[in-house]
Amino acid sequence: MASSMRTHRVGDLSDGSGMVSLAGWVDSRRDHGGVIFFDLRDATGIVQAVVDPEAHPALADVSHGIRLEYCIAIGGAVRSRPEGTQNPDMATGQIEVAVDELTVLSPADALPFQIDDRVDVDEAKRLEYRYLDLWPRTCGPVRPQCPRSGAPWTK
């Protein structure tokens, strides 16, 4: 991985971004006949990451153990998604990251329920874990600010 954990933020990616290093949380994980897909979320958005077990067998072993909300760092090449797999509902729906480096920064326990408006969860359980509903899904952790001006710190 590059000397920096992150060379780009997800929201800054485009088809011409080339090789990138990203860090964030696993928003979803899918295994389609051996090829493993992650939706990686950071404070600026979500991007699809693809692990090809034939090209990187060691990464496939690591990928099989990754679950939702794991904090991971990836490195790889940004490429256009194959025809018919683009997602117009996502800002990064035209691209994906072909992963060639993967590090688990922090595992996460299983959530008591899926945090999704489309999932019907008992109200008592939602109240017990209300902090999960209150946590803004797209902003990630609180961004540090300059104590004097209140302006957010950047890289």
C-alpha atoms as a PDB file:
ATOM      1  CA  MET A   1       0.000   0.000   0.000  1.00  0.00           C
ATOM      2  CA  ALA A   2       1.174   3.547  -0.562  1.00  0.00           C
ATOM      3  CA  SER A   3       3.011   5.318   2.245  1.00  0.00           C
ATOM      4  CA  SER A   4      -0.273   7.065   3.042  1.00  0.00           C
ATOM      5  CA  MET A   5      -3.245   4.956   4.051  1.00  0.00           C
ATOM      6  CA  ARG A   6      -5.397   6.964   1.651  1.00  0.00           C
ATOM      7  CA  THR A   7      -4.447   8.740  -1.572  1.00  0.00           C
ATOM      8  CA  HIS A   8      -8.034   9.646  -2.485  1.00  0.00           C
ATOM      9  CA  ARG A   9     -11.440   9.927  -0.903  1.00  0.00           C
ATOM     10  CA  VAL A  10     -14.247   7.946  -2.484  1.00  0.00           C
ATOM     11  CA  GLY A  11     -16.077  11.095  -3.582  1.00  0.00           C
ATOM     12  CA  ASP A  12     -12.989  12.273  -5.502  1.00  0.00           C
ATOM     13  CA  LEU A  13     -12.702   9.165  -7.691  1.00  0.00           C
ATOM     14  CA  SER A  14     -13.192   9.219 -11.442  1.00  0.00           C
ATOM     15  CA  ASP A  15     -12.397   6.840 -14.275  1.00  0.00           C
ATOM     16  CA  GLY A  16      -9.021   8.530 -14.743  1.00  0.00           C
ATOM     17  CA  SER A  17      -7.914   8.203 -11.109  1.00  0.00           C
ATOM     18  CA  GLY A  18      -5.503   5.340 -11.877  1.00  0.00           C
ATOM     19  CA  MET A  19      -3.968   3.564  -8.878  1.00  0.00           C
ATOM     20  CA  VAL A  20      -5.546   4.581  -5.569  1.00  0.00           C
ATOM     21  CA  SER A  21      -5.416   3.753  -1.874  1.00  0.00           C
ATOM     22  CA  LEU A  22      -8.709   4.072   0.009  1.00  0.00           C
ATOM     23  CA  ALA A  23      -9.854   3.472   3.562  1.00  0.00           C
ATOM     24  CA  GLY A  24     -13.370   3.142   4.923  1.00  0.00           C
ATOM     25  CA  TRP A  25     -16.098   0.837   6.134  1.00  0.00           C
ATOM     26  CA  VAL A  26     -17.648  -2.141   4.382  1.00  0.00           C
ATOM     27  CA  ASP A  27     -21.197  -1.063   3.547  1.00  0.00           C
ATOM     28  CA  SER A  28     -22.142  -4.295   1.773  1.00  0.00           C
ATOM     29  CA  ARG A  29     -20.431  -7.488   0.652  1.00  0.00           C
ATOM     30  CA  ARG A  30     -21.408  -9.875  -2.151  1.00  0.00           C
ATOM     31  CA  ASP A  31     -19.827 -13.080  -3.425  1.00  0.00           C
ATOM     32  CA  HIS A  32     -20.831 -13.863  -7.024  1.00  0.00           C
ATOM     33  CA  GLY A  33     -19.330 -17.146  -8.094  1.00  0.00           C
ATOM     34  CA  GLY A  34     -15.929 -16.455  -6.649  1.00  0.00           C
ATOM     35  CA  VAL A  35     -15.594 -12.769  -7.502  1.00  0.00           C
ATOM     36  CA  ILE A  36     -16.092 -10.779  -4.301  1.00  0.00           C
ATOM     37  CA  PHE A  37     -17.621  -7.302  -4.282  1.00  0.00           C
ATOM     38  CA  PHE A  38     -17.483  -4.751  -1.460  1.00  0.00           C
ATOM     39  CA  ASP A  39     -19.188  -1.403  -1.257  1.00  0.00           C
ATOM     40  CA  LEU A  40     -16.598   0.709   0.536  1.00  0.00           C
ATOM     41  CA  ARG A  41     -17.983   3.752   2.389  1.00  0.00           C
ATOM     42  CA  ASP A  42     -16.110   6.794   3.625  1.00  0.00           C
ATOM     43  CA  ALA A  43     -17.230  10.284   4.601  1.00  0.00           C
ATOM     44  CA  THR A  44     -17.589  11.327   0.943  1.00  0.00           C
ATOM     45  CA  GLY A  45     -19.484   8.409  -0.607  1.00  0.00           C
ATOM     46  CA  ILE A  46     -19.541   4.749  -1.589  1.00  0.00           C
ATOM     47  CA  VAL A  47     -17.590   2.899  -4.277  1.00  0.00           C
ATOM     48  CA  GLN A  48     -17.642  -0.723  -5.415  1.00  0.00           C
ATOM     49  CA  ALA A  49     -14.419  -2.680  -4.887  1.00  0.00           C
ATOM     50  CA  VAL A  50     -13.794  -6.006  -6.666  1.00  0.00           C
ATOM     51  CA  VAL A  51     -11.517  -8.833  -5.500  1.00  0.00           C
ATOM     52  CA  ASP A  52     -10.652 -11.435  -8.161  1.00  0.00           C
ATOM     53  CA  PRO A  53      -9.587 -14.677  -6.411  1.00  0.00           C
ATOM     54  CA  GLU A  54      -7.836 -15.996  -9.525  1.00  0.00           C
ATOM     55  CA  ALA A  55      -5.607 -12.924  -9.779  1.00  0.00           C
ATOM     56  CA  HIS A  56      -5.041 -12.593  -6.000  1.00  0.00           C
ATOM     57  CA  PRO A  57      -5.687 -15.877  -4.109  1.00  0.00           C
ATOM     58  CA  ALA A  58      -4.355 -14.495  -0.806  1.00  0.00           C
ATOM     59  CA  LEU A  59      -6.798 -11.567  -0.966  1.00  0.00           C
ATOM     60  CA  ALA A  60      -9.680 -13.971  -1.535  1.00  0.00           C
ATOM     61  CA  ASP A  61      -8.896 -15.708   1.774  1.00  0.00           C
ATOM     62  CA  VAL A  62      -8.915 -12.379   3.622  1.00  0.00           C
ATOM     63  CA  SER A  63     -12.049 -11.217   1.769  1.00  0.00           C
ATOM     64  CA  HIS A  64     -14.091 -14.233   2.820  1.00  0.00           C
ATOM     65  CA  GLY A  65     -13.729 -13.211   6.470  1.00  0.00           C
ATOM     66  CA  ILE A  66     -14.749  -9.573   6.015  1.00  0.00           C
ATOM     67  CA  ARG A  67     -18.204  -8.541   7.209  1.00  0.00           C
ATOM     68  CA  LEU A  68     -20.317  -5.384   7.329  1.00  0.00           C
ATOM     69  CA  GLU A  69     -18.821  -2.381   9.121  1.00  0.00           C
ATOM     70  CA  TYR A  70     -15.273  -3.758   9.080  1.00  0.00           C
ATOM     71  CA  CYS A  71     -12.835  -0.886   8.630  1.00  0.00           C
ATOM     72  CA  ILE A  72     -10.509  -1.739   5.732  1.00  0.00           C
ATOM     73  CA  ALA A  73      -7.844  -0.175   3.548  1.00  0.00           C
ATOM     74  CA  ILE A  74      -7.576  -1.151  -0.110  1.00  0.00           C
ATOM     75  CA  GLY A  75      -5.247  -0.397  -2.979  1.00  0.00           C
ATOM     76  CA  GLY A  76      -5.948  -0.938  -6.637  1.00  0.00           C
ATOM     77  CA  ALA A  77      -6.781   0.474 -10.032  1.00  0.00           C
ATOM     78  CA  VAL A  78      -9.913   2.469 -10.782  1.00  0.00           C
ATOM     79  CA  ARG A  79     -11.632   1.149 -13.895  1.00  0.00           C
ATOM     80  CA  SER A  80     -14.953   1.502 -15.681  1.00  0.00           C
ATOM     81  CA  ARG A  81     -17.598  -1.015 -14.691  1.00  0.00           C
ATOM     82  CA  PRO A  82     -18.456  -3.588 -17.354  1.00  0.00           C
ATOM     83  CA  GLU A  83     -21.374  -2.782 -19.643  1.00  0.00           C
ATOM     84  CA  GLY A  84     -24.705  -3.421 -17.942  1.00  0.00           C
ATOM     85  CA  THR A  85     -23.326  -3.247 -14.395  1.00  0.00           C
ATOM     86  CA  GLN A  86     -23.294   0.527 -14.000  1.00  0.00           C
ATOM     87  CA  ASN A  87     -25.406   1.955 -11.188  1.00  0.00           C
ATOM     88  CA  PRO A  88     -26.923   5.345 -12.086  1.00  0.00           C
ATOM     89  CA  ASP A  89     -28.159   5.766  -8.492  1.00  0.00           C
ATOM     90  CA  MET A  90     -24.585   6.096  -7.171  1.00  0.00           C
ATOM     91  CA  ALA A  91     -22.216   9.001  -7.803  1.00  0.00           C
ATOM     92  CA  THR A  92     -19.469   6.414  -8.435  1.00  0.00           C
ATOM     93  CA  GLY A  93     -21.798   4.012 -10.256  1.00  0.00           C
ATOM     94  CA  GLN A  94     -19.754   4.095 -13.472  1.00  0.00           C
ATOM     95  CA  ILE A  95     -16.492   2.944 -11.860  1.00  0.00           C
ATOM     96  CA  GLU A  96     -15.080   0.285  -9.541  1.00  0.00           C
ATOM     97  CA  VAL A  97     -11.754  -0.419  -7.881  1.00  0.00           C
ATOM     98  CA  ALA A  98      -9.953  -3.626  -8.878  1.00  0.00           C
ATOM     99  CA  VAL A  99      -8.366  -4.516  -5.527  1.00  0.00           C
ATOM    100  CA  ASP A 100      -4.782  -5.775  -5.415  1.00  0.00           C
ATOM    101  CA  GLU A 101      -4.049  -4.860  -1.770  1.00  0.00           C
ATOM    102  CA  LEU A 102      -6.356  -5.309   1.204  1.00  0.00           C
ATOM    103  CA  THR A 103      -5.817  -4.735   4.919  1.00  0.00           C
ATOM    104  CA  VAL A 104      -8.326  -5.141   7.722  1.00  0.00           C
ATOM    105  CA  LEU A 105      -7.791  -2.123   9.959  1.00  0.00           C
ATOM    106  CA  SER A 106     -10.486  -3.009  12.480  1.00  0.00           C
ATOM    107  CA  PRO A 107     -13.005  -5.862  12.581  1.00  0.00           C
ATOM    108  CA  ALA A 108     -16.543  -5.180  13.772  1.00  0.00           C
ATOM    109  CA  ASP A 109     -19.061  -7.232  15.709  1.00  0.00           C
ATOM    110  CA  ALA A 110     -22.230  -8.205  13.906  1.00  0.00           C
ATOM    111  CA  LEU A 111     -24.897  -5.511  14.117  1.00  0.00           C
ATOM    112  CA  PRO A 112     -28.093  -6.394  16.002  1.00  0.00           C
ATOM    113  CA  PHE A 113     -30.082  -5.498  12.874  1.00  0.00           C
ATOM    114  CA  GLN A 114     -29.415  -4.222   9.377  1.00  0.00           C
ATOM    115  CA  ILE A 115     -29.388  -0.416   9.343  1.00  0.00           C
ATOM    116  CA  ASP A 116     -31.648   0.221   6.398  1.00  0.00           C
ATOM    117  CA  ASP A 117     -34.978   1.992   6.048  1.00  0.00           C
ATOM    118  CA  ARG A 118     -36.270  -0.909   3.970  1.00  0.00           C
ATOM    119  CA  VAL A 119     -35.733  -3.442   6.781  1.00  0.00           C
ATOM    120  CA  ASP A 120     -38.593  -3.902   9.233  1.00  0.00           C
ATOM    121  CA  VAL A 121     -37.188  -4.151  12.771  1.00  0.00           C
ATOM    122  CA  ASP A 122     -39.088  -4.420  16.053  1.00  0.00           C
ATOM    123  CA  GLU A 123     -39.444  -0.957  17.590  1.00  0.00           C
ATOM    124  CA  ALA A 124     -38.193  -2.158  20.999  1.00  0.00           C
ATOM    125  CA  LYS A 125     -34.974  -3.408  19.391  1.00  0.00           C
ATOM    126  CA  ARG A 126     -34.552  -0.104  17.504  1.00  0.00           C
ATOM    127  CA  LEU A 127     -34.987   1.816  20.768  1.00  0.00           C
ATOM    128  CA  GLU A 128     -32.470  -0.417  22.563  1.00  0.00           C
ATOM    129  CA  TYR A 129     -29.892   0.310  19.848  1.00  0.00           C
ATOM    130  CA  ARG A 130     -31.098   3.820  18.921  1.00  0.00           C
ATOM    131  CA  TYR A 131     -27.557   5.121  18.614  1.00  0.00           C
ATOM    132  CA  LEU A 132     -27.232   3.035  15.452  1.00  0.00           C
ATOM    133  CA  ASP A 133     -30.146   4.863  13.851  1.00  0.00           C
ATOM    134  CA  LEU A 134     -28.817   8.219  15.006  1.00  0.00           C
ATOM    135  CA  TRP A 135     -25.367   7.685  13.499  1.00  0.00           C
ATOM    136  CA  PRO A 136     -25.377   9.348  10.058  1.00  0.00           C
ATOM    137  CA  ARG A 137     -24.525   6.603   7.561  1.00  0.00           C
ATOM    138  CA  THR A 138     -22.815   8.822   5.053  1.00  0.00           C
ATOM    139  CA  CYS A 139     -20.669  11.023   7.255  1.00  0.00           C
ATOM    140  CA  GLY A 140     -18.494   8.455   9.020  1.00  0.00           C
ATOM    141  CA  PRO A 141     -16.749   9.595  12.175  1.00  0.00           C
ATOM    142  CA  VAL A 142     -16.727  13.182  13.361  1.00  0.00           C
ATOM    143  CA  ARG A 143     -14.246  15.242  11.347  1.00  0.00           C
ATOM    144  CA  PRO A 144     -11.674  17.145  13.400  1.00  0.00           C
ATOM    145  CA  GLN A 145     -11.918  20.914  13.294  1.00  0.00           C
ATOM    146  CA  CYS A 146      -9.505  23.717  13.933  1.00  0.00           C
ATOM    147  CA  PRO A 147     -10.148  24.901  17.518  1.00  0.00           C
ATOM    148  CA  ARG A 148      -9.882  28.574  16.563  1.00  0.00           C
ATOM    149  CA  SER A 149     -11.787  28.911  13.321  1.00  0.00           C
ATOM    150  CA  GLY A 150     -13.976  25.799  13.484  1.00  0.00           C
ATOM    151  CA  ALA A 151     -12.939  25.002   9.898  1.00  0.00           C
ATOM    152  CA  PRO A 152     -12.544  21.272   9.158  1.00  0.00           C
ATOM    153  CA  TRP A 153      -9.027  19.967   8.889  1.00  0.00           C
ATOM    154  CA  THR A 154      -8.122  18.310   5.628  1.00  0.00           C
ATOM    155  CA  LYS A 155      -5.403  15.810   4.794  1.00  0.00           C
END
